[in-house]
């Protein structure tokens, strides 16, 4: 897991970098706020550790600009400032947590792990495939921003297919997940047909998401990209 550390204090930065790398993280260390902001914009970070008092751009500015760009990477602010107002300011700008200096490395490591657990939980609550979005907490789904009126069985079927995007799910596995392993397999076919009408009905074949894999089951996958004009021409 990649961690971006934006910290200008060399002894502290070295301690945090080495400690996290020994714990199994891959750490990139920036000592300037502007450089750190540019690296953060590259994406792919599991968490950002952000000092407040930085050259180039302070931590508040980095946090604000990242959130303005809808960058949702978890941010843990590291601050030597004791004023509650300063910490609240960081949280209001979009930081997820803060840790006052000086701190024990064990606490930093625990807070990083907590942020990663929270992020994984959030990802599990929201499944996105192509233009389908599923909120597993509310048990609601949309396609292209439009709500889908699904029965409980149709919702369960869609969530199962989307959570294993690109993988075939057999009829037997679907029945077992429903707690009804002894039902006829054509029961699944009936629910899939109804779901397809709501998901793929009226769309071109190239935009359909649910597919039958002969004698194996069903698969949900993103549509293939539309070839550009003359693509592949000699």
Protein backbone atom coordinates (compact mmCIF):
# COMPACT_ATOMS: atom_id res chain seq x y z
CA UNK A 1 0.00 0.00 0.00
CA UNK A 2 1.35 3.37 -1.08
CA UNK A 3 1.62 6.16 1.49
CA UNK A 4 2.41 9.78 0.59
CA UNK A 5 4.22 11.60 3.39
CA UNK A 6 4.34 15.42 3.09
CA UNK A 7 6.62 16.58 5.91
CA UNK A 8 9.52 19.06 5.93
CA UNK A 9 11.11 17.99 9.24
CA UNK A 10 13.93 15.68 8.15
CA UNK A 11 14.39 13.66 11.39
CA UNK A 12 10.65 13.06 11.73
CA UNK A 13 10.20 12.32 8.04
CA UNK A 14 13.02 9.79 8.12
CA UNK A 15 11.60 8.10 11.22
CA UNK A 16 8.08 7.86 9.79
CA UNK A 17 9.27 6.68 6.36
CA UNK A 18 11.52 3.97 7.73
CA UNK A 19 8.96 2.81 10.28
CA UNK A 20 6.14 2.51 7.76
CA UNK A 21 8.33 0.75 5.23
CA UNK A 22 9.32 -1.80 7.88
CA UNK A 23 5.58 -2.27 8.50
CA UNK A 24 5.07 -3.15 4.83
CA UNK A 25 4.03 0.16 3.30
CA UNK A 26 5.60 1.82 0.26
CA UNK A 27 6.36 5.42 1.26
CA UNK A 28 7.00 8.45 -0.95
CA UNK A 29 8.31 11.42 1.03
CA UNK A 30 7.89 15.04 -0.10
CA UNK A 31 9.36 17.94 1.90
CA UNK A 32 7.49 20.77 0.17
CA UNK A 33 3.75 21.44 0.13
CA UNK A 34 3.52 22.27 -3.57
CA UNK A 35 5.52 19.19 -4.56
CA UNK A 36 3.41 17.09 -2.21
CA UNK A 37 0.19 18.46 -3.73
CA UNK A 38 1.36 17.60 -7.24
CA UNK A 39 2.31 14.06 -6.19
CA UNK A 40 -1.04 13.64 -4.40
CA UNK A 41 -2.85 14.58 -7.61
CA UNK A 42 -1.23 11.62 -9.37
CA UNK A 43 -3.54 9.33 -7.40
CA UNK A 44 -3.04 5.74 -6.33
CA UNK A 45 -2.29 6.57 -2.68
CA UNK A 46 -3.78 4.56 0.17
CA UNK A 47 -3.37 7.45 2.62
CA UNK A 48 -1.72 10.89 2.77
CA UNK A 49 0.19 12.01 5.89
CA UNK A 50 0.15 15.80 5.76
CA UNK A 51 2.09 18.25 7.92
CA UNK A 52 0.49 21.68 8.39
CA UNK A 53 3.49 24.00 8.45
CA UNK A 54 5.15 23.44 5.08
CA UNK A 55 7.17 25.50 2.61
CA UNK A 56 5.63 26.15 -0.79
CA UNK A 57 2.04 25.49 0.29
CA UNK A 58 0.78 24.87 3.79
CA UNK A 59 -1.15 21.75 4.77
CA UNK A 60 -4.49 23.55 4.81
CA UNK A 61 -3.94 24.66 1.23
CA UNK A 62 -2.94 21.17 0.12
CA UNK A 63 -5.99 19.63 1.77
CA UNK A 64 -8.40 22.24 0.43
CA UNK A 65 -7.15 21.99 -3.15
CA UNK A 66 -7.24 18.19 -3.12
CA UNK A 67 -10.83 18.15 -1.88
CA UNK A 68 -11.78 20.84 -4.42
CA UNK A 69 -10.55 18.39 -7.07
CA UNK A 70 -12.70 15.67 -5.49
CA UNK A 71 -9.64 13.72 -4.41
CA UNK A 72 -11.01 11.42 -1.69
CA UNK A 73 -7.75 9.85 -0.50
CA UNK A 74 -7.78 9.65 3.34
CA UNK A 75 -5.72 12.48 4.88
CA UNK A 76 -4.10 12.29 8.31
CA UNK A 77 -2.86 15.72 9.38
CA UNK A 78 0.28 15.96 11.52
CA UNK A 79 0.30 19.15 13.56
CA UNK A 80 2.44 20.77 16.21
CA UNK A 81 -0.27 23.39 16.76
CA UNK A 82 -2.10 23.05 20.05
CA UNK A 83 -5.05 25.32 19.25
CA UNK A 84 -8.34 23.45 18.86
CA UNK A 85 -9.40 25.95 16.19
CA UNK A 86 -6.46 24.98 13.99
CA UNK A 87 -7.28 21.28 14.20
CA UNK A 88 -10.96 21.93 13.55
CA UNK A 89 -10.00 24.03 10.51
CA UNK A 90 -8.14 21.05 9.03
CA UNK A 91 -11.04 18.69 9.64
CA UNK A 92 -13.51 21.15 8.13
CA UNK A 93 -11.34 21.40 5.02
CA UNK A 94 -11.68 17.65 4.50
CA UNK A 95 -8.97 15.96 6.57
CA UNK A 96 -10.06 12.60 7.99
CA UNK A 97 -8.01 12.65 11.20
CA UNK A 98 -5.22 14.54 12.92
CA UNK A 99 -2.32 13.59 15.14
CA UNK A 100 -0.60 16.19 17.35
CA UNK A 101 3.20 16.31 17.51
CA UNK A 102 5.13 14.87 19.17
CA UNK A 103 3.55 11.44 18.77
CA UNK A 104 4.50 7.82 19.28
CA UNK A 105 5.09 5.94 16.05
CA UNK A 106 2.80 3.15 17.29
CA UNK A 107 -0.10 5.60 17.43
CA UNK A 108 0.63 6.89 13.93
CA UNK A 109 0.68 3.33 12.61
CA UNK A 110 -2.60 2.54 14.37
CA UNK A 111 -4.30 5.65 12.94
CA UNK A 112 -3.10 4.82 9.42
CA UNK A 113 -4.47 1.29 9.78
CA UNK A 114 -7.81 2.67 11.05
CA UNK A 115 -8.12 5.00 8.06
CA UNK A 116 -7.41 2.13 5.67
CA UNK A 117 -10.05 -0.06 7.33
CA UNK A 118 -12.57 2.77 7.05
CA UNK A 119 -11.73 3.25 3.37
CA UNK A 120 -12.10 -0.46 2.61
CA UNK A 121 -15.48 -0.50 4.36
CA UNK A 122 -16.60 2.53 2.36
CA UNK A 123 -15.59 0.83 -0.90
CA UNK A 124 -17.56 -2.27 0.04
CA UNK A 125 -20.64 -0.12 0.64
CA UNK A 126 -20.50 1.33 -2.87
CA UNK A 127 -20.04 -0.89 -5.91
CA UNK A 128 -19.57 0.75 -9.32
CA UNK A 129 -19.42 -1.03 -12.66
CA UNK A 130 -19.63 1.08 -15.82
CA UNK A 131 -22.57 3.45 -15.14
CA UNK A 132 -24.18 1.20 -12.52
CA UNK A 133 -23.80 2.28 -8.90
CA UNK A 134 -24.95 0.17 -5.97
CA UNK A 135 -25.31 1.41 -2.40
CA UNK A 136 -25.13 -1.83 -0.41
CA UNK A 137 -26.08 -0.10 2.82
CA UNK A 138 -29.31 1.40 1.46
CA UNK A 139 -29.73 -1.56 -0.94
CA UNK A 140 -30.40 0.78 -3.85
CA UNK A 141 -29.02 0.83 -7.37
CA UNK A 142 -28.90 3.25 -10.29
CA UNK A 143 -27.81 3.07 -13.91
CA UNK A 144 -26.75 6.26 -15.59
CA UNK A 145 -27.95 8.13 -12.51
CA UNK A 146 -31.50 6.78 -12.82
CA UNK A 147 -32.88 4.68 -9.94
CA UNK A 148 -33.61 1.03 -10.71
CA UNK A 149 -36.87 -0.37 -9.34
CA UNK A 150 -35.63 -3.81 -8.30
CA UNK A 151 -37.29 -6.55 -6.32
CA UNK A 152 -35.28 -7.91 -3.36
CA UNK A 153 -34.19 -10.93 -5.42
CA UNK A 154 -33.21 -8.77 -8.39
CA UNK A 155 -31.19 -6.49 -6.12
CA UNK A 156 -29.39 -9.47 -4.54
CA UNK A 157 -28.65 -10.86 -7.99
CA UNK A 158 -27.29 -7.55 -9.30
CA UNK A 159 -25.15 -7.01 -6.19
CA UNK A 160 -23.74 -10.54 -6.48
CA UNK A 161 -22.87 -10.12 -10.16
CA UNK A 162 -21.42 -6.61 -9.71
CA UNK A 163 -19.30 -7.56 -6.70
CA UNK A 164 -17.68 -10.26 -8.86
CA UNK A 165 -17.45 -8.18 -12.01
CA UNK A 166 -15.84 -10.12 -14.84
CA UNK A 167 -16.32 -13.51 -13.16
CA UNK A 168 -18.91 -16.12 -14.05
CA UNK A 169 -21.40 -17.01 -11.31
CA UNK A 170 -23.17 -20.33 -11.71
CA UNK A 171 -26.89 -20.83 -11.22
CA UNK A 172 -26.12 -23.21 -8.37
CA UNK A 173 -24.03 -20.58 -6.59
CA UNK A 174 -26.82 -18.02 -6.95
CA UNK A 175 -29.41 -20.42 -5.53
CA UNK A 176 -27.10 -21.28 -2.63
CA UNK A 177 -26.60 -17.56 -1.90
CA UNK A 178 -30.38 -17.17 -1.84
CA UNK A 179 -30.60 -20.01 0.66
CA UNK A 180 -32.66 -22.02 -1.83
CA UNK A 181 -30.23 -24.63 -3.26
CA UNK A 182 -32.97 -27.14 -4.10
CA UNK A 183 -34.94 -24.87 -6.44
CA UNK A 184 -34.87 -25.49 -10.17
CA UNK A 185 -32.12 -23.63 -11.98
CA UNK A 186 -34.66 -22.02 -14.29
CA UNK A 187 -35.76 -19.97 -11.26
CA UNK A 188 -32.51 -18.07 -11.64
CA UNK A 189 -33.10 -17.67 -15.38
CA UNK A 190 -36.47 -16.01 -14.70
CA UNK A 191 -34.94 -13.48 -12.28
CA UNK A 192 -32.00 -12.80 -14.60
CA UNK A 193 -34.39 -12.14 -17.51
CA UNK A 194 -36.34 -9.65 -15.38
CA UNK A 195 -33.14 -7.97 -14.20
CA UNK A 196 -31.85 -7.71 -17.75
CA UNK A 197 -35.00 -5.90 -18.85
CA UNK A 198 -34.40 -3.29 -16.15
CA UNK A 199 -30.63 -3.05 -16.60
CA UNK A 200 -30.11 -3.54 -20.32
CA UNK A 201 -33.55 -3.05 -21.85
CA UNK A 202 -33.57 -0.65 -24.79
CA UNK A 203 -29.80 -0.45 -25.02
CA UNK A 204 -27.56 -1.41 -27.90
CA UNK A 205 -25.92 -4.80 -27.65
CA UNK A 206 -22.56 -3.08 -27.15
CA UNK A 207 -23.87 -1.39 -23.98
CA UNK A 208 -25.37 -4.43 -22.30
CA UNK A 209 -23.78 -5.54 -19.05
CA UNK A 210 -25.27 -8.94 -18.17
CA UNK A 211 -24.26 -11.90 -20.33
CA UNK A 212 -24.97 -15.62 -20.37
CA UNK A 213 -22.00 -18.00 -20.43
CA UNK A 214 -23.24 -21.22 -21.96
CA UNK A 215 -23.59 -24.07 -19.44
CA UNK A 216 -21.73 -22.07 -16.79
CA UNK A 217 -23.92 -19.22 -15.59
CA UNK A 218 -23.93 -15.44 -15.83
CA UNK A 219 -21.40 -12.64 -15.87
CA UNK A 220 -21.59 -8.87 -15.50
CA UNK A 221 -18.86 -6.90 -17.23
CA UNK A 222 -18.21 -3.43 -18.57
CA UNK A 223 -18.93 -2.86 -22.26
CA UNK A 224 -15.95 -3.08 -24.58
CA UNK A 225 -14.60 0.29 -25.71
CA UNK A 226 -16.01 1.49 -29.03
CA UNK A 227 -13.19 1.40 -31.63
CA UNK A 228 -12.12 4.77 -32.97
CA UNK A 229 -12.45 5.51 -36.67
CA UNK A 230 -9.78 3.73 -38.69
CA UNK A 231 -8.45 2.01 -35.58
CA UNK A 232 -6.60 -1.09 -36.62
CA UNK A 233 -6.46 -0.04 -40.26
CA UNK A 234 -3.29 -0.81 -42.15
